[in-house]
Amino acid sequence: MADDEYYTLLGVARTADDAALKAAFRKKAMQYHPDKNPGDAKAEAKFKEINEAYSVLSDQQKRAAYDRYGKAAFQNGGGGSGFEGFAGSFSDIFEDLFGDFMGGGRGGGRSGNQAARGQDLRYNLEISLEDAYKGKTADISITTTIACEPCTGTGAEPGSKPEVCKQCNGQGKVRAQQGFFMVERACPVCRGAGRVISKPCRTCDGAGRVEKEKALQVKVPAGVDDGTRIRLTGEGEAGARSGPAGDLYIFIALKAHRVFQREDTTLFCMAPLPMTTAALGGEVDVPSLDGQKTKVKVPAGTQTGKQFRIRGKGMPALNGAGFGDLVIQVNMETPVNLTKRQRELLEEFQNGETGENAPESAGFFDRLKELWDN
């Protein structure tokens, strides 16, 4: 007669799929693992029971028999009970449980003799704001590793080739039984490579890679900003065992500019404005990064801090979608080094000055007078 004991042990329904079974098994195994419950005989017994349940339910044929006949399907030579018929497959179940923490579960691990991708590299490139505006081609030099030419990256002397490690059969890892568990570690003979080089290449000493100074050209597009990353595919370090090379990442850093400050595609500029121009109005020439001058009309009575926006005179967008704006902020400059005549004229103006000439100042002092009177 069928029973639900195994399903109950794992805490799943009879209709649970393989993914649900595996997830439930992991959770229960972690909960009752002997390492988490040292000296707890009940936890150890529970751990064995849930492993027994999973060993049956994770096998389609065994699960079908269990669903129909219960544990009786494995008695009297029908597959055994308890841990009989389970010990042989425990290493596979162990991989199901802990595979994600060991570089891949059953069928998902990488053999040691497979090619390995090379490391990515980083290069910091500092450019001017003008370079970021126009774009440029920069010449750089990096120290990296490349595939050894004499051995073509195999590490073996030309005319010979690496041999499969007999200790691990090319897997790069070996297993050893330690009590109840199967422990996996790197092969001590090939050191995880899965192969042995009996005749190392004299140029690279068997490494398959050599260090080299490499000159490269980097095309910096117009509109790059501070922190922009440019990837050069395949220009990183050479891969191990003839594996593909990594990539080179160029990180852009912008030098501080003496005139402009940048915010995305908008440029900001602080421009001094003579007092007379601010008072009487006029025009000022404003430079831009395209090398041209733009005239800005300043209305009479312009105050310090007034901003003027010039459309399309900012930075280009990195994706080529037009240009940002140039924002000019004027700061009125107080005249210095006055001649006698200039001073006389200013004193004459001061003597005839009224509150209407400086409404902000007059209003401020009126507010102060009210405060003092109160």
Protein backbone atom coordinates (compact mmCIF):
# COMPACT_ATOMS: atom_id res chain seq x y z
CA MET A 1 0.00 0.00 0.00
CA ALA A 2 1.36 3.44 -0.90
CA ASP A 3 2.31 5.93 1.83
CA ASP A 4 3.41 9.56 2.05
CA GLU A 5 6.24 9.24 4.58
CA TYR A 6 8.99 10.40 2.21
CA TYR A 7 6.94 13.36 1.03
CA THR A 8 6.15 14.28 4.64
CA LEU A 9 9.84 14.09 5.58
CA LEU A 10 10.70 16.62 2.86
CA GLY A 11 7.59 18.71 3.49
CA VAL A 12 6.26 18.57 -0.08
CA ALA A 13 3.10 17.37 -1.81
CA ARG A 14 2.99 14.19 -3.90
CA THR A 15 2.66 16.39 -7.00
CA ALA A 16 5.93 18.29 -6.30
CA ASP A 17 8.22 18.59 -9.32
CA ASP A 18 12.00 18.00 -9.34
CA ALA A 19 12.81 21.65 -8.56
CA ALA A 20 10.49 21.69 -5.54
CA LEU A 21 11.95 18.39 -4.29
CA LYS A 22 15.50 19.69 -4.61
CA ALA A 23 14.69 22.97 -2.85
CA ALA A 24 12.94 21.14 0.00
CA PHE A 25 15.83 18.68 0.33
CA ARG A 26 18.37 21.50 0.57
CA LYS A 27 16.39 23.27 3.24
CA LYS A 28 15.92 20.16 5.36
CA ALA A 29 19.50 18.96 4.89
CA MET A 30 20.87 22.31 5.99
CA GLN A 31 18.60 22.25 9.02
CA TYR A 32 19.64 18.79 10.22
CA HIS A 33 23.22 18.68 8.95
CA PRO A 34 25.53 17.05 11.57
CA ASP A 35 27.94 20.00 11.37
CA LYS A 36 25.14 22.32 12.50
CA ASN A 37 23.99 19.88 15.19
CA PRO A 38 27.17 18.40 16.71
CA GLY A 39 26.47 15.54 19.10
CA ASP A 40 22.73 15.55 18.36
CA ALA A 41 21.82 11.93 17.60
CA LYS A 42 18.22 12.83 16.72
CA ALA A 43 19.33 15.41 14.16
CA GLU A 44 21.74 12.90 12.62
CA ALA A 45 19.00 10.29 12.35
CA LYS A 46 16.69 12.88 10.78
CA PHE A 47 19.44 13.84 8.33
CA LYS A 48 19.72 10.21 7.22
CA GLU A 49 15.97 9.90 6.81
CA ILE A 50 15.60 12.96 4.56
CA ASN A 51 18.56 11.77 2.46
CA GLU A 52 16.88 8.40 2.10
CA ALA A 53 13.65 10.11 1.06
CA TYR A 54 15.38 12.30 -1.51
CA SER A 55 17.39 9.39 -2.95
CA VAL A 56 14.12 7.68 -3.79
CA LEU A 57 11.98 10.61 -4.89
CA SER A 58 14.70 12.16 -7.06
CA ASP A 59 14.86 8.95 -9.13
CA GLN A 60 11.88 8.73 -11.49
CA GLN A 61 11.68 4.92 -11.50
CA LYS A 62 12.04 4.63 -7.73
CA ARG A 63 9.53 7.40 -7.19
CA ALA A 64 6.96 5.68 -9.41
CA ALA A 65 7.39 2.42 -7.46
CA TYR A 66 7.17 4.27 -4.14
CA ASP A 67 4.04 6.13 -5.20
CA ARG A 68 2.37 2.80 -5.97
CA TYR A 69 3.65 0.46 -3.27
CA GLY A 70 5.29 2.67 -0.64
CA LYS A 71 8.42 1.35 1.12
CA ALA A 72 7.36 -2.18 0.32
CA ALA A 73 8.63 -1.60 -3.20
CA PHE A 74 12.20 -1.71 -1.88
CA GLN A 75 11.93 -4.62 0.52
CA ASN A 76 12.70 -8.29 -0.11
CA GLY A 77 15.32 -7.51 -2.72
CA GLY A 78 13.35 -4.76 -4.31
CA GLY A 79 16.00 -2.16 -3.77
CA GLY A 80 16.62 -2.31 -0.05
CA SER A 81 15.37 -0.15 2.79
CA GLY A 82 16.96 2.51 4.92
CA PHE A 83 20.37 3.41 3.40
CA GLU A 84 20.59 0.31 1.23
CA GLY A 85 20.63 1.33 -2.40
CA PHE A 86 21.42 4.91 -1.30
CA ALA A 87 25.11 4.97 -0.44
CA GLY A 88 26.18 4.49 -4.04
CA SER A 89 24.39 7.63 -5.16
CA PHE A 90 25.18 9.82 -2.16
CA SER A 91 27.97 11.71 -3.90
CA ASP A 92 25.53 12.78 -6.62
CA ILE A 93 23.02 13.94 -4.03
CA PHE A 94 25.80 15.75 -2.19
CA GLU A 95 26.53 17.65 -5.42
CA ASP A 96 22.83 18.45 -5.78
CA LEU A 97 22.85 19.93 -2.30
CA PHE A 98 26.16 21.79 -2.25
CA GLY A 99 27.00 22.11 -5.97
CA ASP A 100 26.09 25.80 -6.18
CA PHE A 101 28.63 26.56 -3.47
CA MET A 102 31.39 24.53 -5.14
CA GLY A 103 31.34 25.99 -8.63
CA GLY A 104 28.34 24.16 -10.11
CA GLY A 105 26.21 21.15 -9.29
CA ARG A 106 25.87 17.79 -11.00
CA GLY A 107 26.56 18.18 -14.69
CA GLY A 108 27.24 21.91 -14.23
CA GLY A 109 30.87 21.89 -13.06
CA ARG A 110 33.83 22.79 -15.23
CA SER A 111 36.56 20.26 -15.81
CA GLY A 112 40.02 21.49 -14.95
CA ASN A 113 41.34 20.89 -18.46
CA GLN A 114 38.96 23.36 -20.08
CA ALA A 115 40.26 26.68 -21.34
CA ALA A 116 39.87 29.61 -18.95
CA ARG A 117 39.13 33.19 -19.98
CA GLY A 118 41.80 35.77 -19.26
CA GLN A 119 41.47 38.52 -16.67
CA ASP A 120 39.96 41.89 -17.58
CA LEU A 121 42.22 44.93 -17.24
CA ARG A 122 41.55 48.56 -16.33
CA TYR A 123 43.26 51.70 -17.63
CA ASN A 124 42.56 55.23 -16.37
CA LEU A 125 42.70 57.81 -19.16
CA GLU A 126 42.68 61.51 -18.26
CA ILE A 127 41.57 63.91 -20.99
CA SER A 128 40.74 67.61 -21.24
CA LEU A 129 37.25 69.04 -21.54
CA GLU A 130 38.13 70.10 -25.09
CA ASP A 131 38.97 66.47 -25.93
CA ALA A 132 35.65 65.36 -24.46
CA TYR A 133 33.89 67.99 -26.61
CA LYS A 134 35.54 67.05 -29.89
CA GLY A 135 36.51 63.41 -29.31
CA LYS A 136 40.02 62.12 -29.90
CA THR A 137 42.21 59.11 -30.60
CA ALA A 138 44.53 58.45 -27.66
CA ASP A 139 47.70 56.36 -27.78
CA ILE A 140 48.19 54.28 -24.63
CA SER A 141 50.60 51.58 -23.47
CA ILE A 142 49.69 48.74 -21.11
CA THR A 143 51.55 45.82 -19.57
CA THR A 144 49.60 42.61 -20.08
CA THR A 145 50.01 38.92 -20.82
CA ILE A 146 49.65 37.44 -24.27
CA ALA A 147 49.62 33.87 -25.56
CA CYS A 148 53.14 32.47 -25.94
CA GLU A 149 53.90 32.32 -29.66
CA PRO A 150 56.30 29.30 -29.73
CA CYS A 151 53.84 27.02 -27.91
CA THR A 152 50.67 28.83 -29.11
CA GLY A 153 49.50 29.06 -25.52
CA THR A 154 49.60 25.34 -24.68
CA GLY A 155 52.61 25.64 -22.36
CA ALA A 156 54.26 22.62 -23.96
CA GLU A 157 57.51 22.69 -25.93
CA PRO A 158 56.84 22.88 -29.70
CA GLY A 159 56.51 19.36 -31.06
CA SER A 160 54.93 18.06 -27.86
CA LYS A 161 51.59 18.59 -26.18
CA PRO A 162 50.08 18.41 -22.69
CA GLU A 163 48.95 14.98 -21.53
CA VAL A 164 45.79 14.10 -19.65
CA CYS A 165 46.49 13.76 -15.93
CA LYS A 166 46.28 10.09 -15.00
CA GLN A 167 45.51 10.87 -11.37
CA CYS A 168 42.22 12.69 -12.08
CA ASN A 169 41.56 11.56 -15.68
CA GLY A 170 41.60 15.17 -16.83
CA GLN A 171 38.94 16.40 -14.40
CA GLY A 172 41.34 18.52 -12.37
CA LYS A 173 39.76 17.31 -9.12
CA VAL A 174 39.73 14.17 -7.03
CA ARG A 175 37.31 12.82 -4.45
CA ALA A 176 38.00 11.12 -1.16
CA GLN A 177 35.62 9.52 1.32
CA GLN A 178 35.84 11.09 4.76
CA GLY A 179 33.45 9.31 7.07
CA PHE A 180 29.92 9.95 5.90
CA PHE A 181 30.86 12.57 3.30
CA MET A 182 32.57 12.60 -0.08
CA VAL A 183 35.12 15.46 -0.16
CA GLU A 184 36.26 17.00 -3.44
CA ARG A 185 39.54 18.88 -3.86
CA ALA A 186 41.97 19.97 -6.56
CA CYS A 187 44.11 17.20 -8.00
CA PRO A 188 47.54 17.31 -6.28
CA VAL A 189 49.35 16.09 -9.41
CA CYS A 190 48.09 18.56 -12.02
CA ARG A 191 47.03 21.21 -9.46
CA GLY A 192 43.57 21.43 -10.93
CA ALA A 193 44.64 21.86 -14.55
CA GLY A 194 43.51 18.39 -15.63
CA ARG A 195 46.68 17.91 -17.68
CA VAL A 196 50.38 17.45 -17.17
CA ILE A 197 53.13 19.08 -19.24
CA SER A 198 56.14 16.79 -19.34
CA LYS A 199 58.14 19.13 -21.61
CA PRO A 200 57.45 22.75 -20.66
CA CYS A 201 57.93 25.47 -23.24
CA ARG A 202 61.29 27.18 -22.73
CA THR A 203 59.91 30.61 -23.57
CA CYS A 204 57.04 30.70 -21.04
CA ASP A 205 58.20 27.93 -18.65
CA GLY A 206 54.97 26.05 -19.25
CA ALA A 207 52.66 28.94 -18.36
CA GLY A 208 51.41 29.36 -21.93
CA ARG A 209 51.50 33.14 -21.47
CA VAL A 210 54.21 35.80 -21.43
CA GLU A 211 54.20 39.40 -20.23
CA LYS A 212 54.44 42.12 -22.85
CA GLU A 213 54.16 45.88 -23.22
CA LYS A 214 51.38 46.58 -25.71
CA ALA A 215 50.67 49.84 -27.54
CA LEU A 216 47.02 50.54 -28.34
CA GLN A 217 44.89 53.30 -29.80
CA VAL A 218 41.70 54.27 -28.01
CA LYS A 219 38.97 56.11 -29.89
CA VAL A 220 37.33 58.48 -27.42
CA PRO A 221 33.92 59.58 -28.76
CA ALA A 222 32.70 63.15 -28.42
CA GLY A 223 30.51 63.70 -25.38
CA VAL A 224 32.24 61.34 -22.93
CA ASP A 225 31.86 62.35 -19.30
CA ASP A 226 33.84 61.72 -16.16
CA GLY A 227 33.57 58.00 -15.35
CA THR A 228 32.60 56.91 -18.87
CA ARG A 229 33.82 53.35 -19.55
CA ILE A 230 35.09 52.21 -22.94
CA ARG A 231 35.59 48.48 -23.53
CA LEU A 232 38.23 47.08 -25.85
CA THR A 233 37.20 43.48 -26.44
CA GLY A 234 40.00 40.90 -26.28
CA GLU A 235 42.67 43.38 -25.18
CA GLY A 236 42.88 42.06 -21.61
CA GLU A 237 45.12 39.26 -20.36
CA ALA A 238 45.47 36.08 -22.40
CA GLY A 239 43.42 33.13 -21.20
CA ALA A 240 44.89 30.04 -19.58
CA ARG A 241 45.20 26.86 -21.64
CA SER A 242 44.61 28.74 -24.91
CA GLY A 243 41.44 30.30 -23.55
CA PRO A 244 40.03 33.59 -24.87
CA ALA A 245 41.57 36.86 -23.74
CA GLY A 246 39.81 39.16 -21.31
CA ASP A 247 38.77 42.71 -22.10
CA LEU A 248 40.40 46.07 -21.44
CA TYR A 249 38.24 48.75 -19.83
CA ILE A 250 39.21 52.38 -20.31
CA PHE A 251 37.86 54.66 -17.56
CA ILE A 252 37.66 58.32 -18.57
CA ALA A 253 38.62 61.08 -16.13
CA LEU A 254 38.18 64.75 -17.07
CA LYS A 255 40.74 67.35 -16.07
CA ALA A 256 39.44 70.43 -14.28
CA HIS A 257 38.89 73.33 -16.68
CA ARG A 258 39.90 76.91 -15.83
CA VAL A 259 36.77 78.46 -17.36
CA PHE A 260 33.96 75.94 -17.66
CA GLN A 261 32.27 73.54 -15.29
CA ARG A 262 30.23 70.67 -16.64
CA GLU A 263 26.98 69.03 -15.54
CA ASP A 264 25.90 66.33 -17.97
CA THR A 265 25.62 68.19 -21.32
CA THR A 266 25.28 71.64 -19.74
CA LEU A 267 28.32 73.94 -19.42
CA PHE A 268 28.52 76.67 -16.79
CA CYS A 269 30.72 79.75 -16.93
CA MET A 270 31.23 82.61 -14.44
CA ALA A 271 31.76 85.90 -16.30
CA PRO A 272 32.82 89.21 -14.67
CA LEU A 273 30.70 92.17 -15.75
CA PRO A 274 31.86 95.82 -15.51
CA MET A 275 29.67 97.93 -13.28
CA THR A 276 28.95 100.37 -16.07
CA THR A 277 27.78 97.61 -18.43
CA ALA A 278 25.61 96.15 -15.70
CA ALA A 279 24.07 99.57 -15.04
CA LEU A 280 23.75 100.88 -18.59
CA GLY A 281 23.39 97.60 -20.48
CA GLY A 282 25.43 96.40 -23.44
CA GLU A 283 26.95 93.29 -24.97
CA VAL A 284 29.70 90.94 -23.81
CA ASP A 285 31.65 88.34 -25.79
CA VAL A 286 31.44 84.84 -24.34
CA PRO A 287 33.79 82.02 -25.47
CA SER A 288 32.58 78.48 -26.11
CA LEU A 289 34.30 75.12 -26.60
CA ASP A 290 33.66 75.14 -30.34
CA GLY A 291 36.24 77.95 -30.65
CA GLN A 292 33.73 80.65 -31.52
CA LYS A 293 32.63 83.72 -29.59
CA THR A 294 29.02 84.41 -28.81
CA LYS A 295 27.63 87.86 -28.02
CA VAL A 296 25.32 88.05 -25.04
CA LYS A 297 23.04 91.06 -24.70
CA VAL A 298 23.04 92.40 -21.15
CA PRO A 299 20.02 94.52 -20.24
CA ALA A 300 20.44 97.69 -18.21
CA GLY A 301 20.25 97.13 -14.46
CA THR A 302 21.59 93.56 -14.58
CA GLN A 303 22.43 92.29 -11.08
CA THR A 304 25.18 89.95 -9.91
CA GLY A 305 24.17 86.31 -10.25
CA LYS A 306 21.97 86.83 -13.29
CA GLN A 307 22.18 83.81 -15.63
CA PHE A 308 21.97 83.80 -19.41
CA ARG A 309 21.34 80.53 -21.27
CA ILE A 310 22.74 80.00 -24.77
CA ARG A 311 21.08 77.09 -26.53
CA GLY A 312 23.22 74.48 -28.27
CA LYS A 313 26.57 75.77 -26.99
CA GLY A 314 27.07 73.10 -24.34
CA MET A 315 28.53 69.59 -24.57
CA PRO A 316 27.50 67.12 -27.28
CA ALA A 317 25.40 64.17 -26.16
CA LEU A 318 27.32 60.90 -26.15
CA ASN A 319 24.72 59.21 -28.32
CA GLY A 320 24.91 62.00 -30.90
CA ALA A 321 21.52 63.49 -30.00
CA GLY A 322 22.41 67.16 -30.25
CA PHE A 323 24.13 69.56 -27.84
CA GLY A 324 23.39 70.86 -24.39
CA ASP A 325 23.32 74.54 -23.34
CA LEU A 326 25.90 77.03 -22.11
CA VAL A 327 24.85 78.92 -18.98
CA ILE A 328 26.63 82.21 -18.28
CA GLN A 329 26.38 83.68 -14.78
CA VAL A 330 27.54 87.28 -14.49
CA ASN A 331 29.23 88.79 -11.45
CA MET A 332 29.36 92.57 -11.37
CA GLU A 333 32.89 93.83 -10.85
CA THR A 334 33.47 96.83 -8.59
CA PRO A 335 35.83 99.29 -10.26
CA VAL A 336 39.31 99.70 -8.74
CA ASN A 337 42.33 101.96 -9.39
CA LEU A 338 40.10 104.97 -10.08
CA THR A 339 41.47 108.17 -11.56
CA LYS A 340 40.68 111.45 -9.87
CA ARG A 341 38.06 112.26 -12.50
CA GLN A 342 36.42 108.83 -12.21
CA ARG A 343 36.19 109.24 -8.47
CA GLU A 344 34.65 112.69 -8.83
CA LEU A 345 32.03 111.30 -11.20
CA LEU A 346 31.17 108.47 -8.83
CA GLU A 347 30.91 110.86 -5.88
CA GLU A 348 28.65 113.07 -7.96
CA PHE A 349 26.47 110.08 -8.76
CA GLN A 350 26.44 109.04 -5.11
CA ASN A 351 25.32 112.48 -3.98
CA GLY A 352 22.39 112.37 -6.37
CA GLU A 353 21.52 108.72 -5.72
CA THR A 354 18.00 107.88 -4.51
CA GLY A 355 16.28 104.72 -3.35
CA GLU A 356 15.00 104.19 -6.84
CA ASN A 357 18.58 103.68 -8.09
CA ALA A 358 19.19 100.84 -5.62
CA PRO A 359 15.79 99.46 -4.55
CA GLU A 360 17.20 96.27 -3.05
CA SER A 361 19.57 98.16 -0.76
CA ALA A 362 16.94 100.70 0.22
CA GLY A 363 14.42 97.98 1.01
CA PHE A 364 16.96 96.07 3.09
CA PHE A 365 17.82 99.05 5.26
CA ASP A 366 14.15 99.96 5.63
CA ARG A 367 13.50 96.48 7.01
CA LEU A 368 16.41 96.86 9.42
CA LYS A 369 15.06 100.25 10.60
CA GLU A 370 11.67 98.67 11.33
CA LEU A 371 13.36 95.91 13.30
CA TRP A 372 15.34 98.37 15.40
CA ASP A 373 12.30 100.56 16.05
CA ASN A 374 10.32 97.56 17.29
